[in-house]
């Protein structure tokens, strides 16, 4: 683990700190933190997001410092263009490692998870895993949860590509990449494309056509967690 000042990386008046942790697969986890406190809000952005993903993060970090909370922004392996070759499960594993670091190395007294857009799906999935460190989560905030499936349904190529992804998964090729036309922004596996775009795919949690029973199946476990939902785009 190493710490250094990284304020020069940003043209904003904040004291950002860098920390990384070696994880079990020997990869490197990086996160940026404001405020050196024992309670943390962890921000999880949406597809293609990275650091400073929304306009509200700077004022939020300042407000949190007044209340003696730190703001932590992790760079998951799914950040930026990595989302297409990752999964909710991988994000959950990395999030659990981050919380474990905060508990064991930073004496964390508890965390709140703040999800933006598709980051809300990460939180919903993580809270269902019952991973060891999920017990340290005292509450969650879901800001602008979205249906990626309903958006993708407006694109003409989506139906054909869902069929292709399903065939690839059935053939044991779920981790193979889809054709470029399936997702022009980033490489994407058949599994992740199906997860995001197919009806009741793993990422399909907030679609307007899900039945009450389906919503209970996807979201029912959140009834035991303090949860706030804000259905607006924070920019």
C-alpha atoms as a PDB file:
ATOM      1  CA  UNK A   1       0.000   0.000   0.000  1.00  0.00           C
ATOM      2  CA  UNK A   2       1.332   3.436  -0.814  1.00  0.00           C
ATOM      3  CA  UNK A   3       0.064   6.927  -0.158  1.00  0.00           C
ATOM      4  CA  UNK A   4       1.004  10.127  -1.892  1.00  0.00           C
ATOM      5  CA  UNK A   5      -0.523  13.518  -2.558  1.00  0.00           C
ATOM      6  CA  UNK A   6      -2.257  13.690  -5.901  1.00  0.00           C
ATOM      7  CA  UNK A   7      -3.786  17.152  -5.780  1.00  0.00           C
ATOM      8  CA  UNK A   8      -1.765  18.168  -8.821  1.00  0.00           C
ATOM      9  CA  UNK A   9      -3.750  15.716 -10.936  1.00  0.00           C
ATOM     10  CA  UNK A  10      -6.898  17.822 -10.641  1.00  0.00           C
ATOM     11  CA  UNK A  11      -7.610  21.478 -11.252  1.00  0.00           C
ATOM     12  CA  UNK A  12      -9.821  21.633  -8.170  1.00  0.00           C
ATOM     13  CA  UNK A  13      -9.091  22.938  -4.660  1.00  0.00           C
ATOM     14  CA  UNK A  14      -9.142  19.554  -2.942  1.00  0.00           C
ATOM     15  CA  UNK A  15      -6.512  17.472  -1.180  1.00  0.00           C
ATOM     16  CA  UNK A  16      -6.850  14.161  -2.999  1.00  0.00           C
ATOM     17  CA  UNK A  17      -4.971  11.150  -1.676  1.00  0.00           C
ATOM     18  CA  UNK A  18      -4.012   8.057  -3.618  1.00  0.00           C
ATOM     19  CA  UNK A  19      -4.023   4.561  -2.269  1.00  0.00           C
ATOM     20  CA  UNK A  20      -3.681   1.188  -3.922  1.00  0.00           C
ATOM     21  CA  UNK A  21      -3.938  -2.319  -2.584  1.00  0.00           C
ATOM     22  CA  UNK A  22      -2.590  -5.595  -3.871  1.00  0.00           C
ATOM     23  CA  UNK A  23      -5.548  -7.911  -4.318  1.00  0.00           C
ATOM     24  CA  UNK A  24      -5.713 -11.678  -4.419  1.00  0.00           C
ATOM     25  CA  UNK A  25      -5.184 -11.964  -8.176  1.00  0.00           C
ATOM     26  CA  UNK A  26      -2.094  -9.714  -7.912  1.00  0.00           C
ATOM     27  CA  UNK A  27      -3.814  -6.903  -9.789  1.00  0.00           C
ATOM     28  CA  UNK A  28      -3.702  -3.338  -8.541  1.00  0.00           C
ATOM     29  CA  UNK A  29      -6.652  -1.465  -7.072  1.00  0.00           C
ATOM     30  CA  UNK A  30      -6.551   2.310  -7.089  1.00  0.00           C
ATOM     31  CA  UNK A  31      -8.868   4.756  -5.354  1.00  0.00           C
ATOM     32  CA  UNK A  32      -8.862   8.469  -4.589  1.00  0.00           C
ATOM     33  CA  UNK A  33      -9.956   9.797  -1.245  1.00  0.00           C
ATOM     34  CA  UNK A  34     -10.800  13.204   0.182  1.00  0.00           C
ATOM     35  CA  UNK A  35     -10.761  13.626   3.932  1.00  0.00           C
ATOM     36  CA  UNK A  36      -8.916  11.395   6.382  1.00  0.00           C
ATOM     37  CA  UNK A  37     -11.805  10.135   8.499  1.00  0.00           C
ATOM     38  CA  UNK A  38     -12.972   6.774   9.806  1.00  0.00           C
ATOM     39  CA  UNK A  39     -16.317   6.870   7.999  1.00  0.00           C
ATOM     40  CA  UNK A  40     -16.424   6.730   4.214  1.00  0.00           C
ATOM     41  CA  UNK A  41     -18.840   7.260   1.346  1.00  0.00           C
ATOM     42  CA  UNK A  42     -17.770   5.102  -1.603  1.00  0.00           C
ATOM     43  CA  UNK A  43     -18.889   6.403  -4.995  1.00  0.00           C
ATOM     44  CA  UNK A  44     -19.525   3.893  -7.785  1.00  0.00           C
ATOM     45  CA  UNK A  45     -20.073   5.409 -11.208  1.00  0.00           C
ATOM     46  CA  UNK A  46     -21.905   4.145 -14.262  1.00  0.00           C
ATOM     47  CA  UNK A  47     -20.779   2.675 -17.565  1.00  0.00           C
ATOM     48  CA  UNK A  48     -17.568   4.303 -18.859  1.00  0.00           C
ATOM     49  CA  UNK A  49     -17.273   6.450 -15.716  1.00  0.00           C
ATOM     50  CA  UNK A  50     -14.034   6.968 -13.810  1.00  0.00           C
ATOM     51  CA  UNK A  51     -12.793   9.673 -11.482  1.00  0.00           C
ATOM     52  CA  UNK A  52     -14.941  12.774 -10.987  1.00  0.00           C
ATOM     53  CA  UNK A  53     -17.751  11.168 -12.947  1.00  0.00           C
ATOM     54  CA  UNK A  54     -20.427  13.676 -11.919  1.00  0.00           C
ATOM     55  CA  UNK A  55     -20.503  17.402 -11.241  1.00  0.00           C
ATOM     56  CA  UNK A  56     -21.739  16.902  -7.683  1.00  0.00           C
ATOM     57  CA  UNK A  57     -18.698  14.998  -6.420  1.00  0.00           C
ATOM     58  CA  UNK A  58     -16.611  18.069  -5.624  1.00  0.00           C
ATOM     59  CA  UNK A  59     -19.301  19.841  -3.547  1.00  0.00           C
ATOM     60  CA  UNK A  60     -20.229  16.499  -2.006  1.00  0.00           C
ATOM     61  CA  UNK A  61     -16.660  15.907  -0.845  1.00  0.00           C
ATOM     62  CA  UNK A  62     -16.560  19.355   0.751  1.00  0.00           C
ATOM     63  CA  UNK A  63     -19.876  18.782   2.509  1.00  0.00           C
ATOM     64  CA  UNK A  64     -18.760  15.367   3.734  1.00  0.00           C
ATOM     65  CA  UNK A  65     -15.567  16.800   5.220  1.00  0.00           C
ATOM     66  CA  UNK A  66     -17.666  19.141   7.360  1.00  0.00           C
ATOM     67  CA  UNK A  67     -19.482  16.072   8.724  1.00  0.00           C
ATOM     68  CA  UNK A  68     -16.162  14.186   9.123  1.00  0.00           C
ATOM     69  CA  UNK A  69     -16.773  11.686   6.346  1.00  0.00           C
ATOM     70  CA  UNK A  70     -14.327  10.775   3.585  1.00  0.00           C
ATOM     71  CA  UNK A  71     -15.303  10.406  -0.061  1.00  0.00           C
ATOM     72  CA  UNK A  72     -13.650   7.455  -1.811  1.00  0.00           C
ATOM     73  CA  UNK A  73     -13.679   6.998  -5.589  1.00  0.00           C
ATOM     74  CA  UNK A  74     -12.332   3.593  -6.638  1.00  0.00           C
ATOM     75  CA  UNK A  75     -11.127   2.775 -10.102  1.00  0.00           C
ATOM     76  CA  UNK A  76     -12.576  -0.682 -10.608  1.00  0.00           C
ATOM     77  CA  UNK A  77     -11.445  -2.886 -13.454  1.00  0.00           C
ATOM     78  CA  UNK A  78     -14.789  -1.990 -15.073  1.00  0.00           C
ATOM     79  CA  UNK A  79     -14.090   1.753 -14.990  1.00  0.00           C
ATOM     80  CA  UNK A  80     -13.795   3.731 -18.214  1.00  0.00           C
ATOM     81  CA  UNK A  81     -13.797   1.290 -21.161  1.00  0.00           C
ATOM     82  CA  UNK A  82     -13.343  -1.774 -18.952  1.00  0.00           C
ATOM     83  CA  UNK A  83     -17.063  -2.267 -18.343  1.00  0.00           C
ATOM     84  CA  UNK A  84     -17.518  -4.492 -21.375  1.00  0.00           C
ATOM     85  CA  UNK A  85     -15.109  -7.162 -20.183  1.00  0.00           C
ATOM     86  CA  UNK A  86     -16.164  -7.073 -16.545  1.00  0.00           C
ATOM     87  CA  UNK A  87     -19.314  -8.036 -14.641  1.00  0.00           C
ATOM     88  CA  UNK A  88     -21.373  -7.179 -11.585  1.00  0.00           C
ATOM     89  CA  UNK A  89     -19.729 -10.101  -9.789  1.00  0.00           C
ATOM     90  CA  UNK A  90     -16.216  -8.808 -10.519  1.00  0.00           C
ATOM     91  CA  UNK A  91     -17.178  -5.328  -9.363  1.00  0.00           C
ATOM     92  CA  UNK A  92     -18.607  -6.819  -6.162  1.00  0.00           C
ATOM     93  CA  UNK A  93     -15.377  -8.701  -5.460  1.00  0.00           C
ATOM     94  CA  UNK A  94     -13.309  -5.562  -5.939  1.00  0.00           C
ATOM     95  CA  UNK A  95     -15.684  -3.479  -3.849  1.00  0.00           C
ATOM     96  CA  UNK A  96     -15.429  -6.013  -1.039  1.00  0.00           C
ATOM     97  CA  UNK A  97     -11.626  -5.833  -1.226  1.00  0.00           C
ATOM     98  CA  UNK A  98     -11.777  -2.046  -1.011  1.00  0.00           C
ATOM     99  CA  UNK A  99     -14.060  -2.101   2.026  1.00  0.00           C
ATOM    100  CA  UNK A 100     -11.815  -4.714   3.606  1.00  0.00           C
ATOM    101  CA  UNK A 101      -8.850  -2.412   3.117  1.00  0.00           C
ATOM    102  CA  UNK A 102     -10.705   0.496   4.703  1.00  0.00           C
ATOM    103  CA  UNK A 103     -11.619  -1.670   7.694  1.00  0.00           C
ATOM    104  CA  UNK A 104      -8.246  -3.343   8.231  1.00  0.00           C
ATOM    105  CA  UNK A 105      -5.858  -0.560   7.241  1.00  0.00           C
ATOM    106  CA  UNK A 106      -7.895   2.595   7.731  1.00  0.00           C
ATOM    107  CA  UNK A 107      -9.875   1.656  10.873  1.00  0.00           C
ATOM    108  CA  UNK A 108     -13.163   2.287   9.111  1.00  0.00           C
ATOM    109  CA  UNK A 109     -16.199   2.542  11.365  1.00  0.00           C
ATOM    110  CA  UNK A 110     -18.592   1.967   8.471  1.00  0.00           C
ATOM    111  CA  UNK A 111     -19.280   2.936   4.887  1.00  0.00           C
ATOM    112  CA  UNK A 112     -22.141   4.222   2.783  1.00  0.00           C
ATOM    113  CA  UNK A 113     -22.301   3.174  -0.874  1.00  0.00           C
ATOM    114  CA  UNK A 114     -23.338   5.828  -3.399  1.00  0.00           C
ATOM    115  CA  UNK A 115     -24.166   4.547  -6.873  1.00  0.00           C
ATOM    116  CA  UNK A 116     -24.702   6.627  -9.998  1.00  0.00           C
ATOM    117  CA  UNK A 117     -26.553   5.200 -13.017  1.00  0.00           C
ATOM    118  CA  UNK A 118     -25.312   1.642 -13.686  1.00  0.00           C
ATOM    119  CA  UNK A 119     -23.289   1.891 -10.465  1.00  0.00           C
ATOM    120  CA  UNK A 120     -26.602   1.334  -8.684  1.00  0.00           C
ATOM    121  CA  UNK A 121     -26.656  -2.184 -10.127  1.00  0.00           C
ATOM    122  CA  UNK A 122     -23.245  -2.837  -8.600  1.00  0.00           C
ATOM    123  CA  UNK A 123     -24.594  -1.889  -5.181  1.00  0.00           C
ATOM    124  CA  UNK A 124     -27.749  -3.997  -5.511  1.00  0.00           C
ATOM    125  CA  UNK A 125     -25.650  -6.992  -6.537  1.00  0.00           C
ATOM    126  CA  UNK A 126     -23.013  -6.449  -3.861  1.00  0.00           C
ATOM    127  CA  UNK A 127     -25.574  -6.276  -1.073  1.00  0.00           C
ATOM    128  CA  UNK A 128     -26.974  -9.626  -2.200  1.00  0.00           C
ATOM    129  CA  UNK A 129     -23.623 -11.422  -2.116  1.00  0.00           C
ATOM    130  CA  UNK A 130     -23.277 -11.447   1.684  1.00  0.00           C
ATOM    131  CA  UNK A 131     -19.549 -11.018   1.215  1.00  0.00           C
ATOM    132  CA  UNK A 132     -17.736 -10.600   4.514  1.00  0.00           C
ATOM    133  CA  UNK A 133     -17.284  -6.843   4.336  1.00  0.00           C
ATOM    134  CA  UNK A 134     -20.837  -6.109   3.185  1.00  0.00           C
ATOM    135  CA  UNK A 135     -21.828  -6.083   6.864  1.00  0.00           C
ATOM    136  CA  UNK A 136     -19.860  -2.839   7.210  1.00  0.00           C
ATOM    137  CA  UNK A 137     -22.285  -1.045   4.857  1.00  0.00           C
ATOM    138  CA  UNK A 138     -24.567   1.122   6.981  1.00  0.00           C
ATOM    139  CA  UNK A 139     -26.613   2.477   4.083  1.00  0.00           C
ATOM    140  CA  UNK A 140     -26.814   2.960   0.337  1.00  0.00           C
ATOM    141  CA  UNK A 141     -27.813   5.787  -1.987  1.00  0.00           C
ATOM    142  CA  UNK A 142     -29.048   4.994  -5.503  1.00  0.00           C
ATOM    143  CA  UNK A 143     -28.772   8.109  -7.668  1.00  0.00           C
ATOM    144  CA  UNK A 144     -30.301   7.961 -11.154  1.00  0.00           C
ATOM    145  CA  UNK A 145     -30.734   4.178 -11.423  1.00  0.00           C
ATOM    146  CA  UNK A 146     -31.372   3.288 -15.054  1.00  0.00           C
ATOM    147  CA  UNK A 147     -32.511   0.515 -17.349  1.00  0.00           C
ATOM    148  CA  UNK A 148     -29.685  -0.087 -19.790  1.00  0.00           C
ATOM    149  CA  UNK A 149     -31.926  -2.646 -21.490  1.00  0.00           C
ATOM    150  CA  UNK A 150     -34.662  -0.133 -22.262  1.00  0.00           C
ATOM    151  CA  UNK A 151     -32.124   2.301 -23.694  1.00  0.00           C
ATOM    152  CA  UNK A 152     -30.448  -0.372 -25.796  1.00  0.00           C
ATOM    153  CA  UNK A 153     -33.856  -1.458 -27.101  1.00  0.00           C
ATOM    154  CA  UNK A 154     -34.065   1.861 -28.953  1.00  0.00           C
ATOM    155  CA  UNK A 155     -31.019   0.951 -31.072  1.00  0.00           C
ATOM    156  CA  UNK A 156     -31.729  -0.966 -34.296  1.00  0.00           C
ATOM    157  CA  UNK A 157     -28.933  -3.518 -33.947  1.00  0.00           C
ATOM    158  CA  UNK A 158     -29.741  -4.603 -30.394  1.00  0.00           C
ATOM    159  CA  UNK A 159     -32.204  -7.426 -31.081  1.00  0.00           C
ATOM    160  CA  UNK A 160     -29.892  -9.205 -33.499  1.00  0.00           C
ATOM    161  CA  UNK A 161     -26.946  -8.789 -31.155  1.00  0.00           C
ATOM    162  CA  UNK A 162     -28.895 -10.180 -28.170  1.00  0.00           C
ATOM    163  CA  UNK A 163     -29.607 -13.301 -30.219  1.00  0.00           C
ATOM    164  CA  UNK A 164     -25.929 -13.597 -31.135  1.00  0.00           C
ATOM    165  CA  UNK A 165     -24.849 -13.131 -27.507  1.00  0.00           C
ATOM    166  CA  UNK A 166     -27.299 -15.830 -26.356  1.00  0.00           C
ATOM    167  CA  UNK A 167     -25.933 -18.263 -28.950  1.00  0.00           C
ATOM    168  CA  UNK A 168     -22.351 -17.522 -27.917  1.00  0.00           C
ATOM    169  CA  UNK A 169     -23.192 -18.080 -24.246  1.00  0.00           C
ATOM    170  CA  UNK A 170     -24.957 -21.366 -25.056  1.00  0.00           C
ATOM    171  CA  UNK A 171     -21.842 -22.470 -26.948  1.00  0.00           C
ATOM    172  CA  UNK A 172     -19.655 -21.770 -23.920  1.00  0.00           C
ATOM    173  CA  UNK A 173     -18.229 -18.581 -25.445  1.00  0.00           C
ATOM    174  CA  UNK A 174     -19.733 -16.069 -23.015  1.00  0.00           C
ATOM    175  CA  UNK A 175     -16.356 -14.442 -22.360  1.00  0.00           C
ATOM    176  CA  UNK A 176     -15.582 -14.021 -26.065  1.00  0.00           C
ATOM    177  CA  UNK A 177     -15.914 -10.544 -27.523  1.00  0.00           C
ATOM    178  CA  UNK A 178     -18.918  -9.464 -29.537  1.00  0.00           C
ATOM    179  CA  UNK A 179     -18.578  -7.836 -32.986  1.00  0.00           C
ATOM    180  CA  UNK A 180     -17.649  -4.161 -32.929  1.00  0.00           C
ATOM    181  CA  UNK A 181     -21.135  -3.103 -34.033  1.00  0.00           C
ATOM    182  CA  UNK A 182     -22.594  -4.514 -30.831  1.00  0.00           C
ATOM    183  CA  UNK A 183     -20.932  -1.803 -28.752  1.00  0.00           C
ATOM    184  CA  UNK A 184     -18.893   0.870 -30.489  1.00  0.00           C
ATOM    185  CA  UNK A 185     -17.656   2.537 -27.287  1.00  0.00           C
ATOM    186  CA  UNK A 186     -15.705  -0.369 -25.829  1.00  0.00           C
ATOM    187  CA  UNK A 187     -15.003  -4.082 -26.331  1.00  0.00           C
ATOM    188  CA  UNK A 188     -17.776  -6.160 -24.794  1.00  0.00           C
ATOM    189  CA  UNK A 189     -18.162  -9.855 -24.086  1.00  0.00           C
ATOM    190  CA  UNK A 190     -21.218 -11.846 -25.046  1.00  0.00           C
ATOM    191  CA  UNK A 191     -22.017 -12.309 -21.363  1.00  0.00           C
ATOM    192  CA  UNK A 192     -21.882  -8.592 -20.505  1.00  0.00           C
ATOM    193  CA  UNK A 193     -23.848  -7.599 -23.589  1.00  0.00           C
ATOM    194  CA  UNK A 194     -26.561 -10.096 -22.688  1.00  0.00           C
ATOM    195  CA  UNK A 195     -26.462  -8.985 -19.042  1.00  0.00           C
ATOM    196  CA  UNK A 196     -27.052  -5.355 -20.003  1.00  0.00           C
ATOM    197  CA  UNK A 197     -29.427  -5.792 -22.943  1.00  0.00           C
ATOM    198  CA  UNK A 198     -31.520  -8.929 -22.466  1.00  0.00           C
ATOM    199  CA  UNK A 199     -34.817  -9.163 -20.605  1.00  0.00           C
ATOM    200  CA  UNK A 200     -34.014 -10.237 -17.032  1.00  0.00           C
ATOM    201  CA  UNK A 201     -30.301 -10.185 -17.754  1.00  0.00           C
ATOM    202  CA  UNK A 202     -28.130  -9.856 -14.664  1.00  0.00           C
ATOM    203  CA  UNK A 203     -28.034  -6.035 -15.030  1.00  0.00           C
ATOM    204  CA  UNK A 204     -31.784  -5.702 -15.652  1.00  0.00           C
ATOM    205  CA  UNK A 205     -32.970  -4.341 -12.296  1.00  0.00           C
ATOM    206  CA  UNK A 206     -34.825  -1.091 -12.948  1.00  0.00           C
ATOM    207  CA  UNK A 207     -36.785  -1.633 -16.172  1.00  0.00           C
ATOM    208  CA  UNK A 208     -40.292  -0.216 -16.198  1.00  0.00           C
ATOM    209  CA  UNK A 209     -41.827  -3.444 -17.535  1.00  0.00           C
ATOM    210  CA  UNK A 210     -40.636  -5.709 -14.721  1.00  0.00           C
ATOM    211  CA  UNK A 211     -43.457  -7.192 -12.678  1.00  0.00           C
ATOM    212  CA  UNK A 212     -43.793  -6.701  -8.940  1.00  0.00           C
ATOM    213  CA  UNK A 213     -42.593 -10.256  -8.358  1.00  0.00           C
ATOM    214  CA  UNK A 214     -39.581  -9.708 -10.601  1.00  0.00           C
ATOM    215  CA  UNK A 215     -38.703  -6.497  -8.789  1.00  0.00           C
ATOM    216  CA  UNK A 216     -38.964  -8.301  -5.461  1.00  0.00           C
ATOM    217  CA  UNK A 217     -36.663 -10.986  -6.833  1.00  0.00           C
ATOM    218  CA  UNK A 218     -34.100  -8.400  -7.888  1.00  0.00           C
ATOM    219  CA  UNK A 219     -34.470  -5.812  -5.127  1.00  0.00           C
ATOM    220  CA  UNK A 220     -36.208  -7.523  -2.219  1.00  0.00           C
ATOM    221  CA  UNK A 221     -33.011  -8.099  -0.235  1.00  0.00           C
ATOM    222  CA  UNK A 222     -32.538  -4.325  -0.005  1.00  0.00           C
ATOM    223  CA  UNK A 223     -35.437  -4.123   2.473  1.00  0.00           C
ATOM    224  CA  UNK A 224     -32.971  -4.825   5.296  1.00  0.00           C
ATOM    225  CA  UNK A 225     -30.633  -1.972   4.283  1.00  0.00           C
ATOM    226  CA  UNK A 226     -31.158   1.755   4.777  1.00  0.00           C
ATOM    227  CA  UNK A 227     -31.623   2.954   1.221  1.00  0.00           C
ATOM    228  CA  UNK A 228     -32.308   6.295  -0.474  1.00  0.00           C
ATOM    229  CA  UNK A 229     -33.217   6.539  -4.153  1.00  0.00           C
ATOM    230  CA  UNK A 230     -32.854   9.714  -6.216  1.00  0.00           C
ATOM    231  CA  UNK A 231     -34.324   9.342  -9.681  1.00  0.00           C
ATOM    232  CA  UNK A 232     -32.602  12.217 -11.426  1.00  0.00           C
ATOM    233  CA  UNK A 233     -29.437  12.664 -13.426  1.00  0.00           C
ATOM    234  CA  UNK A 234     -26.829  14.378 -11.263  1.00  0.00           C
ATOM    235  CA  UNK A 235     -24.680  15.378 -14.243  1.00  0.00           C
END
